[in-house]
Amino acid sequence: MIKKPTMSDIAAACGVSQATVSLVLNNAPGTRISSATREAVLSAAARMGYRTQARRIDRRPLIAMLINEVTSSPHVAGLIDGAGEAANELGYLLSVMPTDADEEAEQAALSHLATLPAAGIIYARLITQQVTLAPQLAEWPTVLLNCYTVDKPLPSVVPGDLSAVMKATLSLIDAGHTRIAYIGGEDAIEASRERIKGYRRALTMRDIPVDNHLIIKGRWTIQGGYAAFKRLQALDDRPTAICCFCDRIAMGVYEAAKEAGLSIPRDLSVIGFDNESYSGDMLPPLTTMQLPHADMARYAVEKLAEMIAAPRMRHDNHKVKLECEMIVRQSVAPIDAV
């Protein structure tokens, strides 16, 4: 019996992934595949005698995103928008299922999905964290978004919080600052622990001693930033720059600095984190780090599509960390201007 050609055979002949072959042969809308690659795949398929099965456009395969919390946070919008766009481009239908961090709600969602022809699951968290997975998730190809597990490794994608604050702190050092304060969040949050590591590592890399008096942990609120700056102002050797855990803290720093008669960035350089919608409207506009939530979600969906297209293939279970972009505005100045 002559063996029928498969997508895997076509992928091997063209030197591309099986997911790419699937996207071309199924004519998935919106895919970003070059015309040369598309032509190569179609030519190889014709040469091998591959035949695609007709599929109704309104019967797109379903993938579900289980997320523990949906709020007004811009982080949620990034996760959902990125996943939705990637799913649409790859020819999938995305269903977002909030569980409100409730175990029973999650079990109910999984039970419901078991009655549907779901192709795979994106298991997501609003805040980066380690998770324990329900046994039922083993029934589907699953990718973890903004979370990870150590007891049962699965492909996961999280933001590079440590490297982001390293980048922010190093930019302040490159501007000539050596008295750099860090106003962080509570240690219970993984992002807080990672970001303060990045701050410490950047100073160590440039042979600048870590002064614990310049490190203040507390609430990531406007009031928290305001109170932290007051404490820093009481020091004999005050900082000339501040790296903040989030933009809300930076807003509190702005207010306290204004009360103290200080001008940003002439007297004090400030960097935030999160690129909140208001950060570009602050006076002066705030330099901040952008969490790559949309890119993370896109990666998760693309990885899931690969797993769905090649269920028997061994897939890497690495925790991928995506870099955070620095949004450079006017809140940082060289030390000469201080």
C-alpha atoms as a PDB file:
ATOM      1  CA  MET A   1       0.000   0.000   0.000  1.00  0.00           C
ATOM      2  CA  ILE A   2       1.321   3.411  -0.963  1.00  0.00           C
ATOM      3  CA  LYS A   3       1.705   5.649   2.079  1.00  0.00           C
ATOM      4  CA  LYS A   4      -0.265   8.862   1.801  1.00  0.00           C
ATOM      5  CA  PRO A   5       1.849  12.008   2.197  1.00  0.00           C
ATOM      6  CA  THR A   6       1.397  13.896   5.441  1.00  0.00           C
ATOM      7  CA  MET A   7       1.937  17.503   6.549  1.00  0.00           C
ATOM      8  CA  SER A   8       5.037  16.253   8.354  1.00  0.00           C
ATOM      9  CA  ASP A   9       6.446  14.988   5.052  1.00  0.00           C
ATOM     10  CA  ILE A  10       5.792  18.350   3.407  1.00  0.00           C
ATOM     11  CA  ALA A  11       7.341  20.212   6.351  1.00  0.00           C
ATOM     12  CA  ALA A  12      10.490  18.073   6.134  1.00  0.00           C
ATOM     13  CA  ALA A  13      10.759  18.666   2.386  1.00  0.00           C
ATOM     14  CA  CYS A  14      10.420  22.443   2.766  1.00  0.00           C
ATOM     15  CA  GLY A  15      12.425  22.862   5.971  1.00  0.00           C
ATOM     16  CA  VAL A  16       9.557  24.513   7.839  1.00  0.00           C
ATOM     17  CA  SER A  17       7.424  23.587  10.843  1.00  0.00           C
ATOM     18  CA  GLN A  18       4.369  21.394  10.532  1.00  0.00           C
ATOM     19  CA  ALA A  19       2.306  24.267  11.929  1.00  0.00           C
ATOM     20  CA  THR A  20       3.396  26.438   8.991  1.00  0.00           C
ATOM     21  CA  VAL A  21       2.354  23.735   6.542  1.00  0.00           C
ATOM     22  CA  SER A  22      -1.027  23.457   8.248  1.00  0.00           C
ATOM     23  CA  LEU A  23      -1.583  27.217   8.024  1.00  0.00           C
ATOM     24  CA  VAL A  24      -0.736  27.321   4.316  1.00  0.00           C
ATOM     25  CA  LEU A  25      -2.740  24.271   3.283  1.00  0.00           C
ATOM     26  CA  ASN A  26      -5.773  25.341   5.296  1.00  0.00           C
ATOM     27  CA  ASN A  27      -5.476  28.899   3.971  1.00  0.00           C
ATOM     28  CA  ALA A  28      -5.804  30.319   7.486  1.00  0.00           C
ATOM     29  CA  PRO A  29      -6.771  34.015   7.306  1.00  0.00           C
ATOM     30  CA  GLY A  30      -4.306  36.740   8.315  1.00  0.00           C
ATOM     31  CA  THR A  31      -1.238  34.503   8.583  1.00  0.00           C
ATOM     32  CA  ARG A  32       2.158  36.196   8.289  1.00  0.00           C
ATOM     33  CA  ILE A  33       3.834  33.711   5.969  1.00  0.00           C
ATOM     34  CA  SER A  34       6.046  34.900   3.135  1.00  0.00           C
ATOM     35  CA  SER A  35       4.948  34.300  -0.425  1.00  0.00           C
ATOM     36  CA  ALA A  36       8.105  32.255  -1.061  1.00  0.00           C
ATOM     37  CA  THR A  37       7.364  29.893   1.832  1.00  0.00           C
ATOM     38  CA  ARG A  38       3.709  29.632   0.818  1.00  0.00           C
ATOM     39  CA  GLU A  39       4.667  28.784  -2.774  1.00  0.00           C
ATOM     40  CA  ALA A  40       7.223  26.205  -1.614  1.00  0.00           C
ATOM     41  CA  VAL A  41       4.667  24.451   0.601  1.00  0.00           C
ATOM     42  CA  LEU A  42       1.984  24.398  -2.096  1.00  0.00           C
ATOM     43  CA  SER A  43       4.457  23.132  -4.695  1.00  0.00           C
ATOM     44  CA  ALA A  44       5.680  20.349  -2.402  1.00  0.00           C
ATOM     45  CA  ALA A  45       2.097  19.365  -1.572  1.00  0.00           C
ATOM     46  CA  ALA A  46       1.189  19.161  -5.259  1.00  0.00           C
ATOM     47  CA  ARG A  47       4.349  17.212  -6.076  1.00  0.00           C
ATOM     48  CA  MET A  48       3.654  14.675  -3.339  1.00  0.00           C
ATOM     49  CA  GLY A  49       0.000  14.362  -4.211  1.00  0.00           C
ATOM     50  CA  TYR A  50      -1.259  15.714  -0.886  1.00  0.00           C
ATOM     51  CA  ARG A  51      -4.983  16.446  -0.769  1.00  0.00           C
ATOM     52  CA  THR A  52      -6.586  18.735   1.797  1.00  0.00           C
ATOM     53  CA  GLN A  53     -10.018  18.036   3.165  1.00  0.00           C
ATOM     54  CA  ALA A  54     -12.620  20.728   2.693  1.00  0.00           C
ATOM     55  CA  ARG A  55     -13.477  22.483   5.939  1.00  0.00           C
ATOM     56  CA  ARG A  56     -16.311  24.864   6.594  1.00  0.00           C
ATOM     57  CA  ILE A  57     -15.127  28.341   7.491  1.00  0.00           C
ATOM     58  CA  ASP A  58     -17.595  28.580  10.370  1.00  0.00           C
ATOM     59  CA  ARG A  59     -16.205  25.431  12.039  1.00  0.00           C
ATOM     60  CA  ARG A  60     -12.905  26.766  13.274  1.00  0.00           C
ATOM     61  CA  PRO A  61     -11.113  24.630  15.871  1.00  0.00           C
ATOM     62  CA  LEU A  62     -11.712  25.898  19.401  1.00  0.00           C
ATOM     63  CA  ILE A  63      -8.989  26.811  21.867  1.00  0.00           C
ATOM     64  CA  ALA A  64      -9.859  27.983  25.366  1.00  0.00           C
ATOM     65  CA  MET A  65      -8.061  30.463  27.593  1.00  0.00           C
ATOM     66  CA  LEU A  66      -8.638  29.768  31.276  1.00  0.00           C
ATOM     67  CA  ILE A  67      -7.645  32.856  33.269  1.00  0.00           C
ATOM     68  CA  ASN A  68      -8.048  33.363  36.999  1.00  0.00           C
ATOM     69  CA  GLU A  69      -9.022  37.023  36.940  1.00  0.00           C
ATOM     70  CA  VAL A  70     -10.447  39.582  34.527  1.00  0.00           C
ATOM     71  CA  THR A  71     -10.322  43.186  35.736  1.00  0.00           C
ATOM     72  CA  SER A  72      -9.897  46.661  34.271  1.00  0.00           C
ATOM     73  CA  SER A  73      -6.117  46.166  34.362  1.00  0.00           C
ATOM     74  CA  PRO A  74      -4.412  46.853  31.008  1.00  0.00           C
ATOM     75  CA  HIS A  75      -2.500  43.601  31.564  1.00  0.00           C
ATOM     76  CA  VAL A  76      -5.708  41.635  30.941  1.00  0.00           C
ATOM     77  CA  ALA A  77      -6.338  43.475  27.689  1.00  0.00           C
ATOM     78  CA  GLY A  78      -2.826  42.642  26.487  1.00  0.00           C
ATOM     79  CA  LEU A  79      -3.201  38.955  27.271  1.00  0.00           C
ATOM     80  CA  ILE A  80      -6.636  38.600  25.682  1.00  0.00           C
ATOM     81  CA  ASP A  81      -5.965  40.821  22.655  1.00  0.00           C
ATOM     82  CA  GLY A  82      -2.678  39.082  21.864  1.00  0.00           C
ATOM     83  CA  ALA A  83      -4.229  35.625  22.170  1.00  0.00           C
ATOM     84  CA  GLY A  84      -7.286  36.605  20.158  1.00  0.00           C
ATOM     85  CA  GLU A  85      -5.290  38.099  17.291  1.00  0.00           C
ATOM     86  CA  ALA A  86      -2.954  35.105  17.089  1.00  0.00           C
ATOM     87  CA  ALA A  87      -5.833  32.624  17.246  1.00  0.00           C
ATOM     88  CA  ASN A  88      -7.643  34.429  14.437  1.00  0.00           C
ATOM     89  CA  GLU A  89      -4.524  34.538  12.275  1.00  0.00           C
ATOM     90  CA  LEU A  90      -3.938  30.816  12.809  1.00  0.00           C
ATOM     91  CA  GLY A  91      -7.512  29.866  12.017  1.00  0.00           C
ATOM     92  CA  TYR A  92      -8.717  29.119  15.539  1.00  0.00           C
ATOM     93  CA  LEU A  93     -11.619  30.374  17.600  1.00  0.00           C
ATOM     94  CA  LEU A  94     -10.626  31.634  21.054  1.00  0.00           C
ATOM     95  CA  SER A  95     -12.929  31.301  24.052  1.00  0.00           C
ATOM     96  CA  VAL A  96     -11.915  33.194  27.214  1.00  0.00           C
ATOM     97  CA  MET A  97     -13.167  31.563  30.416  1.00  0.00           C
ATOM     98  CA  PRO A  98     -12.549  33.581  33.636  1.00  0.00           C
ATOM     99  CA  THR A  99     -12.530  31.396  36.759  1.00  0.00           C
ATOM    100  CA  ASP A 100     -12.238  34.168  39.383  1.00  0.00           C
ATOM    101  CA  ALA A 101      -9.441  32.202  41.111  1.00  0.00           C
ATOM    102  CA  ASP A 102     -12.079  29.698  42.235  1.00  0.00           C
ATOM    103  CA  GLU A 103     -11.153  26.012  42.088  1.00  0.00           C
ATOM    104  CA  GLU A 104     -14.755  24.883  41.649  1.00  0.00           C
ATOM    105  CA  ALA A 105     -15.265  27.342  38.786  1.00  0.00           C
ATOM    106  CA  GLU A 106     -12.121  26.027  37.109  1.00  0.00           C
ATOM    107  CA  GLN A 107     -13.346  22.441  37.487  1.00  0.00           C
ATOM    108  CA  ALA A 108     -16.691  23.436  35.988  1.00  0.00           C
ATOM    109  CA  ALA A 109     -14.948  25.095  33.035  1.00  0.00           C
ATOM    110  CA  LEU A 110     -12.841  21.998  32.372  1.00  0.00           C
ATOM    111  CA  SER A 111     -15.898  19.748  32.631  1.00  0.00           C
ATOM    112  CA  HIS A 112     -17.675  21.925  30.087  1.00  0.00           C
ATOM    113  CA  LEU A 113     -14.702  21.874  27.730  1.00  0.00           C
ATOM    114  CA  ALA A 114     -14.700  18.078  27.907  1.00  0.00           C
ATOM    115  CA  THR A 115     -18.102  18.139  26.170  1.00  0.00           C
ATOM    116  CA  LEU A 116     -16.759  20.279  23.318  1.00  0.00           C
ATOM    117  CA  PRO A 117     -14.276  19.530  20.542  1.00  0.00           C
ATOM    118  CA  ALA A 118     -11.668  21.804  22.141  1.00  0.00           C
ATOM    119  CA  ALA A 119      -8.302  21.544  20.389  1.00  0.00           C
ATOM    120  CA  GLY A 120      -6.163  22.918  23.228  1.00  0.00           C
ATOM    121  CA  ILE A 121      -5.955  25.167  26.283  1.00  0.00           C
ATOM    122  CA  ILE A 122      -4.074  28.319  27.235  1.00  0.00           C
ATOM    123  CA  TYR A 123      -3.857  28.299  31.033  1.00  0.00           C
ATOM    124  CA  ALA A 124      -3.282  31.905  32.113  1.00  0.00           C
ATOM    125  CA  ARG A 125      -2.742  34.023  35.207  1.00  0.00           C
ATOM    126  CA  LEU A 126      -3.054  37.799  35.524  1.00  0.00           C
ATOM    127  CA  ILE A 127      -0.022  38.015  37.839  1.00  0.00           C
ATOM    128  CA  THR A 128       3.085  35.925  37.147  1.00  0.00           C
ATOM    129  CA  GLN A 129       3.168  32.940  39.503  1.00  0.00           C
ATOM    130  CA  GLN A 130       3.825  29.238  39.987  1.00  0.00           C
ATOM    131  CA  VAL A 131       0.678  27.146  39.657  1.00  0.00           C
ATOM    132  CA  THR A 132      -0.584  23.656  40.457  1.00  0.00           C
ATOM    133  CA  LEU A 133      -2.553  22.197  37.583  1.00  0.00           C
ATOM    134  CA  ALA A 134      -5.756  20.197  37.673  1.00  0.00           C
ATOM    135  CA  PRO A 135      -5.253  16.593  36.426  1.00  0.00           C
ATOM    136  CA  GLN A 136      -7.925  17.117  33.730  1.00  0.00           C
ATOM    137  CA  LEU A 137      -5.601  19.440  31.808  1.00  0.00           C
ATOM    138  CA  ALA A 138      -3.631  16.379  30.705  1.00  0.00           C
ATOM    139  CA  GLU A 139      -6.476  15.644  28.286  1.00  0.00           C
ATOM    140  CA  TRP A 140      -5.546  18.591  26.028  1.00  0.00           C
ATOM    141  CA  PRO A 141      -2.401  20.157  24.599  1.00  0.00           C
ATOM    142  CA  THR A 142      -1.743  22.948  27.112  1.00  0.00           C
ATOM    143  CA  VAL A 143       0.508  26.003  27.227  1.00  0.00           C
ATOM    144  CA  LEU A 144       0.941  28.114  30.371  1.00  0.00           C
ATOM    145  CA  LEU A 145       0.668  31.898  29.954  1.00  0.00           C
ATOM    146  CA  ASN A 146       2.143  34.218  32.596  1.00  0.00           C
ATOM    147  CA  CYS A 147       2.549  31.242  34.920  1.00  0.00           C
ATOM    148  CA  TYR A 148       4.557  28.031  35.207  1.00  0.00           C
ATOM    149  CA  THR A 149       4.699  24.744  37.074  1.00  0.00           C
ATOM    150  CA  VAL A 150       7.611  22.671  38.362  1.00  0.00           C
ATOM    151  CA  ASP A 151       5.907  19.396  39.285  1.00  0.00           C
ATOM    152  CA  LYS A 152       4.560  18.767  35.767  1.00  0.00           C
ATOM    153  CA  PRO A 153       6.578  20.749  33.212  1.00  0.00           C
ATOM    154  CA  LEU A 154       4.627  22.259  30.340  1.00  0.00           C
ATOM    155  CA  PRO A 155       5.582  24.924  27.793  1.00  0.00           C
ATOM    156  CA  SER A 156       5.218  28.294  29.501  1.00  0.00           C
ATOM    157  CA  VAL A 157       5.891  31.956  28.797  1.00  0.00           C
ATOM    158  CA  VAL A 158       6.457  34.711  31.374  1.00  0.00           C
ATOM    159  CA  PRO A 159       7.856  38.262  31.328  1.00  0.00           C
ATOM    160  CA  GLY A 160      11.535  38.888  31.959  1.00  0.00           C
ATOM    161  CA  ASP A 161      11.019  40.976  35.109  1.00  0.00           C
ATOM    162  CA  LEU A 162      14.585  40.568  36.357  1.00  0.00           C
ATOM    163  CA  SER A 163      16.218  41.603  33.088  1.00  0.00           C
ATOM    164  CA  ALA A 164      13.758  44.499  32.716  1.00  0.00           C
ATOM    165  CA  VAL A 165      14.778  46.167  35.975  1.00  0.00           C
ATOM    166  CA  MET A 166      18.403  45.411  35.187  1.00  0.00           C
ATOM    167  CA  LYS A 167      17.931  47.340  31.942  1.00  0.00           C
ATOM    168  CA  ALA A 168      16.196  50.213  33.739  1.00  0.00           C
ATOM    169  CA  THR A 169      18.859  50.460  36.444  1.00  0.00           C
ATOM    170  CA  LEU A 170      21.723  50.210  33.971  1.00  0.00           C
ATOM    171  CA  SER A 171      20.209  53.044  31.936  1.00  0.00           C
ATOM    172  CA  LEU A 172      20.290  55.236  35.047  1.00  0.00           C
ATOM    173  CA  ILE A 173      23.895  54.230  35.707  1.00  0.00           C
ATOM    174  CA  ASP A 174      24.780  55.023  32.088  1.00  0.00           C
ATOM    175  CA  ALA A 175      23.291  58.477  32.680  1.00  0.00           C
ATOM    176  CA  GLY A 176      25.872  58.941  35.450  1.00  0.00           C
ATOM    177  CA  HIS A 177      23.737  58.140  38.502  1.00  0.00           C
ATOM    178  CA  THR A 178      25.248  56.087  41.321  1.00  0.00           C
ATOM    179  CA  ARG A 179      22.831  56.951  44.151  1.00  0.00           C
ATOM    180  CA  ILE A 180      19.882  55.024  42.718  1.00  0.00           C
ATOM    181  CA  ALA A 181      16.961  54.085  44.956  1.00  0.00           C
ATOM    182  CA  TYR A 182      14.533  51.239  44.365  1.00  0.00           C
ATOM    183  CA  ILE A 183      10.934  51.402  45.580  1.00  0.00           C
ATOM    184  CA  GLY A 184       9.515  47.892  45.312  1.00  0.00           C
ATOM    185  CA  GLY A 185       6.415  45.878  46.022  1.00  0.00           C
ATOM    186  CA  GLU A 186       5.641  43.170  48.546  1.00  0.00           C
ATOM    187  CA  ASP A 187       7.864  40.076  48.515  1.00  0.00           C
ATOM    188  CA  ALA A 188       4.798  37.818  48.250  1.00  0.00           C
ATOM    189  CA  ILE A 189       4.567  38.742  44.559  1.00  0.00           C
ATOM    190  CA  GLU A 190       7.066  36.943  42.329  1.00  0.00           C
ATOM    191  CA  ALA A 191       7.523  40.005  40.130  1.00  0.00           C
ATOM    192  CA  SER A 192       8.655  41.946  43.214  1.00  0.00           C
ATOM    193  CA  ARG A 193      11.298  39.381  44.051  1.00  0.00           C
ATOM    194  CA  GLU A 194      12.545  39.195  40.465  1.00  0.00           C
ATOM    195  CA  ARG A 195      12.682  42.955  39.947  1.00  0.00           C
ATOM    196  CA  ILE A 196      14.673  43.695  43.082  1.00  0.00           C
ATOM    197  CA  LYS A 197      17.131  40.987  41.999  1.00  0.00           C
ATOM    198  CA  GLY A 198      17.511  42.834  38.714  1.00  0.00           C
ATOM    199  CA  TYR A 199      18.197  46.105  40.548  1.00  0.00           C
ATOM    200  CA  ARG A 200      20.838  44.513  42.763  1.00  0.00           C
ATOM    201  CA  ARG A 201      22.454  42.679  39.859  1.00  0.00           C
ATOM    202  CA  ALA A 202      22.761  45.841  37.766  1.00  0.00           C
ATOM    203  CA  LEU A 203      24.541  47.691  40.586  1.00  0.00           C
ATOM    204  CA  THR A 204      26.873  44.750  41.174  1.00  0.00           C
ATOM    205  CA  MET A 205      27.700  44.539  37.472  1.00  0.00           C
ATOM    206  CA  ARG A 206      28.931  48.152  37.574  1.00  0.00           C
ATOM    207  CA  ASP A 207      30.746  47.770  40.919  1.00  0.00           C
ATOM    208  CA  ILE A 208      28.315  50.053  42.745  1.00  0.00           C
ATOM    209  CA  PRO A 209      27.740  48.966  46.365  1.00  0.00           C
ATOM    210  CA  VAL A 210      24.154  48.045  47.227  1.00  0.00           C
ATOM    211  CA  ASP A 211      22.941  50.451  49.919  1.00  0.00           C
ATOM    212  CA  ASN A 212      19.954  48.896  51.693  1.00  0.00           C
ATOM    213  CA  HIS A 213      18.882  52.346  52.878  1.00  0.00           C
ATOM    214  CA  LEU A 214      17.991  53.066  49.243  1.00  0.00           C
ATOM    215  CA  ILE A 215      15.693  50.042  48.998  1.00  0.00           C
ATOM    216  CA  ILE A 216      12.134  50.508  50.234  1.00  0.00           C
ATOM    217  CA  LYS A 217       9.465  47.826  49.990  1.00  0.00           C
ATOM    218  CA  GLY A 218       5.786  48.415  50.460  1.00  0.00           C
ATOM    219  CA  ARG A 219       2.507  48.987  48.684  1.00  0.00           C
ATOM    220  CA  TRP A 220       2.517  49.503  44.916  1.00  0.00           C
ATOM    221  CA  THR A 221       0.189  52.485  45.144  1.00  0.00           C
ATOM    222  CA  ILE A 222       0.420  56.241  44.668  1.00  0.00           C
ATOM    223  CA  GLN A 223       0.368  56.663  48.459  1.00  0.00           C
ATOM    224  CA  GLY A 224       3.079  54.015  48.780  1.00  0.00           C
ATOM    225  CA  GLY A 225       5.350  55.864  46.381  1.00  0.00           C
ATOM    226  CA  TYR A 226       4.663  59.168  48.124  1.00  0.00           C
ATOM    227  CA  ALA A 227       5.550  57.749  51.568  1.00  0.00           C
ATOM    228  CA  ALA A 228       8.649  55.965  50.260  1.00  0.00           C
ATOM    229  CA  PHE A 229      10.023  59.156  48.721  1.00  0.00           C
ATOM    230  CA  LYS A 230       9.542  60.993  52.018  1.00  0.00           C
ATOM    231  CA  ARG A 231      11.719  58.362  53.696  1.00  0.00           C
ATOM    232  CA  LEU A 232      14.395  58.692  51.020  1.00  0.00           C
ATOM    233  CA  GLN A 233      14.424  62.466  51.432  1.00  0.00           C
ATOM    234  CA  ALA A 234      15.257  62.026  55.114  1.00  0.00           C
ATOM    235  CA  LEU A 235      18.607  60.389  54.232  1.00  0.00           C
ATOM    236  CA  ASP A 236      21.802  62.385  54.542  1.00  0.00           C
ATOM    237  CA  ASP A 237      22.959  61.179  51.130  1.00  0.00           C
ATOM    238  CA  ARG A 238      19.814  61.340  49.014  1.00  0.00           C
ATOM    239  CA  PRO A 239      19.315  59.474  45.730  1.00  0.00           C
ATOM    240  CA  THR A 240      19.525  61.274  42.412  1.00  0.00           C
ATOM    241  CA  ALA A 241      17.451  58.619  40.636  1.00  0.00           C
ATOM    242  CA  ILE A 242      14.655  56.212  41.546  1.00  0.00           C
ATOM    243  CA  CYS A 243      13.603  52.965  39.905  1.00  0.00           C
ATOM    244  CA  CYS A 244       9.966  52.145  40.759  1.00  0.00           C
ATOM    245  CA  PHE A 245       8.181  48.801  40.861  1.00  0.00           C
ATOM    246  CA  CYS A 246       5.227  50.282  38.974  1.00  0.00           C
ATOM    247  CA  ASP A 247       3.934  53.508  37.455  1.00  0.00           C
ATOM    248  CA  ARG A 248       1.593  54.130  40.391  1.00  0.00           C
ATOM    249  CA  ILE A 249       4.560  54.288  42.733  1.00  0.00           C
ATOM    250  CA  ALA A 250       6.247  56.670  40.286  1.00  0.00           C
ATOM    251  CA  MET A 251       3.181  58.913  40.360  1.00  0.00           C
ATOM    252  CA  GLY A 252       3.475  59.124  44.153  1.00  0.00           C
ATOM    253  CA  VAL A 253       7.160  59.982  43.787  1.00  0.00           C
ATOM    254  CA  TYR A 254       6.255  62.765  41.353  1.00  0.00           C
ATOM    255  CA  GLU A 255       3.811  64.283  43.848  1.00  0.00           C
ATOM    256  CA  ALA A 256       6.233  64.110  46.782  1.00  0.00           C
ATOM    257  CA  ALA A 257       9.086  65.514  44.696  1.00  0.00           C
ATOM    258  CA  LYS A 258       6.888  68.434  43.645  1.00  0.00           C
ATOM    259  CA  GLU A 259       6.083  69.187  47.294  1.00  0.00           C
ATOM    260  CA  ALA A 260       9.802  69.106  48.081  1.00  0.00           C
ATOM    261  CA  GLY A 261      10.478  71.682  45.369  1.00  0.00           C
ATOM    262  CA  LEU A 262      12.331  69.201  43.152  1.00  0.00           C
ATOM    263  CA  SER A 263      12.050  69.142  39.383  1.00  0.00           C
ATOM    264  CA  ILE A 264      11.958  65.890  37.369  1.00  0.00           C
ATOM    265  CA  PRO A 265      14.300  65.130  35.672  1.00  0.00           C
ATOM    266  CA  ARG A 266      16.514  68.134  36.489  1.00  0.00           C
ATOM    267  CA  ASP A 267      16.788  67.255  40.195  1.00  0.00           C
ATOM    268  CA  LEU A 268      15.626  63.637  40.134  1.00  0.00           C
ATOM    269  CA  SER A 269      15.396  60.940  37.450  1.00  0.00           C
ATOM    270  CA  VAL A 270      12.542  58.430  37.684  1.00  0.00           C
ATOM    271  CA  ILE A 271      11.711  55.192  35.847  1.00  0.00           C
ATOM    272  CA  GLY A 272       8.427  53.329  36.274  1.00  0.00           C
ATOM    273  CA  PHE A 273       7.109  49.953  35.208  1.00  0.00           C
ATOM    274  CA  ASP A 274       3.928  48.810  33.374  1.00  0.00           C
ATOM    275  CA  ASN A 275       3.431  51.682  30.895  1.00  0.00           C
ATOM    276  CA  GLU A 276       0.000  52.493  32.297  1.00  0.00           C
ATOM    277  CA  SER A 277      -2.242  54.581  30.019  1.00  0.00           C
ATOM    278  CA  TYR A 278      -1.599  57.748  32.025  1.00  0.00           C
ATOM    279  CA  SER A 279       2.208  57.429  32.163  1.00  0.00           C
ATOM    280  CA  GLY A 280       2.687  59.305  28.891  1.00  0.00           C
ATOM    281  CA  ASP A 281       0.553  62.188  30.199  1.00  0.00           C
ATOM    282  CA  MET A 282       2.475  62.691  33.442  1.00  0.00           C
ATOM    283  CA  LEU A 283       4.516  65.882  33.763  1.00  0.00           C
ATOM    284  CA  PRO A 284       7.087  65.138  32.522  1.00  0.00           C
ATOM    285  CA  PRO A 285       6.070  61.990  30.592  1.00  0.00           C
ATOM    286  CA  LEU A 286       7.362  58.957  32.477  1.00  0.00           C
ATOM    287  CA  THR A 287      10.048  56.630  31.146  1.00  0.00           C
ATOM    288  CA  THR A 288       8.774  53.133  31.939  1.00  0.00           C
ATOM    289  CA  MET A 289       9.085  49.429  31.141  1.00  0.00           C
ATOM    290  CA  GLN A 290       6.414  47.770  28.990  1.00  0.00           C
ATOM    291  CA  LEU A 291       5.323  44.265  29.983  1.00  0.00           C
ATOM    292  CA  PRO A 292       5.132  42.081  26.832  1.00  0.00           C
ATOM    293  CA  HIS A 293       1.712  40.598  27.594  1.00  0.00           C
ATOM    294  CA  ALA A 294       0.428  40.712  24.007  1.00  0.00           C
ATOM    295  CA  ASP A 295       3.624  39.092  22.701  1.00  0.00           C
ATOM    296  CA  MET A 296       3.476  36.482  25.469  1.00  0.00           C
ATOM    297  CA  ALA A 297      -0.094  35.588  24.549  1.00  0.00           C
ATOM    298  CA  ARG A 298       0.804  35.408  20.876  1.00  0.00           C
ATOM    299  CA  TYR A 299       3.711  33.080  21.653  1.00  0.00           C
ATOM    300  CA  ALA A 300       1.448  30.865  23.773  1.00  0.00           C
ATOM    301  CA  VAL A 301      -1.114  30.492  20.980  1.00  0.00           C
ATOM    302  CA  GLU A 302       1.549  29.844  18.337  1.00  0.00           C
ATOM    303  CA  LYS A 303       3.186  27.223  20.559  1.00  0.00           C
ATOM    304  CA  LEU A 304      -0.203  25.616  21.181  1.00  0.00           C
ATOM    305  CA  ALA A 305      -0.884  25.528  17.431  1.00  0.00           C
ATOM    306  CA  GLU A 306       2.390  23.643  16.930  1.00  0.00           C
ATOM    307  CA  MET A 307       1.397  21.117  19.585  1.00  0.00           C
ATOM    308  CA  ILE A 308      -2.052  20.650  18.042  1.00  0.00           C
ATOM    309  CA  ALA A 309      -0.621  20.224  14.547  1.00  0.00           C
ATOM    310  CA  ALA A 310       1.949  17.643  15.717  1.00  0.00           C
ATOM    311  CA  PRO A 311       0.450  15.824  18.730  1.00  0.00           C
ATOM    312  CA  ARG A 312       2.989  12.993  18.660  1.00  0.00           C
ATOM    313  CA  MET A 313       6.017  15.221  18.371  1.00  0.00           C
ATOM    314  CA  ARG A 314       8.107  15.875  21.470  1.00  0.00           C
ATOM    315  CA  HIS A 315       7.819  19.565  22.379  1.00  0.00           C
ATOM    316  CA  ASP A 316      10.160  21.584  24.583  1.00  0.00           C
ATOM    317  CA  ASN A 317       8.782  22.256  28.051  1.00  0.00           C
ATOM    318  CA  HIS A 318      10.970  25.293  28.656  1.00  0.00           C
ATOM    319  CA  LYS A 319       9.898  28.401  30.523  1.00  0.00           C
ATOM    320  CA  VAL A 320      10.381  31.158  27.965  1.00  0.00           C
ATOM    321  CA  LYS A 321      10.987  34.692  29.234  1.00  0.00           C
ATOM    322  CA  LEU A 322      10.172  37.565  26.891  1.00  0.00           C
ATOM    323  CA  GLU A 323      12.009  40.857  27.150  1.00  0.00           C
ATOM    324  CA  CYS A 324      10.268  44.019  28.345  1.00  0.00           C
ATOM    325  CA  GLU A 325      10.607  47.098  26.152  1.00  0.00           C
ATOM    326  CA  MET A 326      11.799  50.367  27.642  1.00  0.00           C
ATOM    327  CA  ILE A 327       9.489  53.249  26.707  1.00  0.00           C
ATOM    328  CA  VAL A 328      11.868  56.217  26.764  1.00  0.00           C
ATOM    329  CA  ARG A 329      10.272  59.562  27.605  1.00  0.00           C
ATOM    330  CA  GLN A 330      11.419  62.660  29.531  1.00  0.00           C
ATOM    331  CA  SER A 331      11.753  61.596  33.182  1.00  0.00           C
ATOM    332  CA  VAL A 332      15.461  60.671  33.023  1.00  0.00           C
ATOM    333  CA  ALA A 333      18.364  63.080  32.600  1.00  0.00           C
ATOM    334  CA  PRO A 334      22.172  62.734  32.822  1.00  0.00           C
ATOM    335  CA  ILE A 335      23.719  63.416  36.211  1.00  0.00           C
ATOM    336  CA  ASP A 336      25.281  66.583  34.751  1.00  0.00           C
ATOM    337  CA  ALA A 337      21.815  68.083  34.735  1.00  0.00           C
ATOM    338  CA  VAL A 338      21.181  67.206  38.399  1.00  0.00           C
END
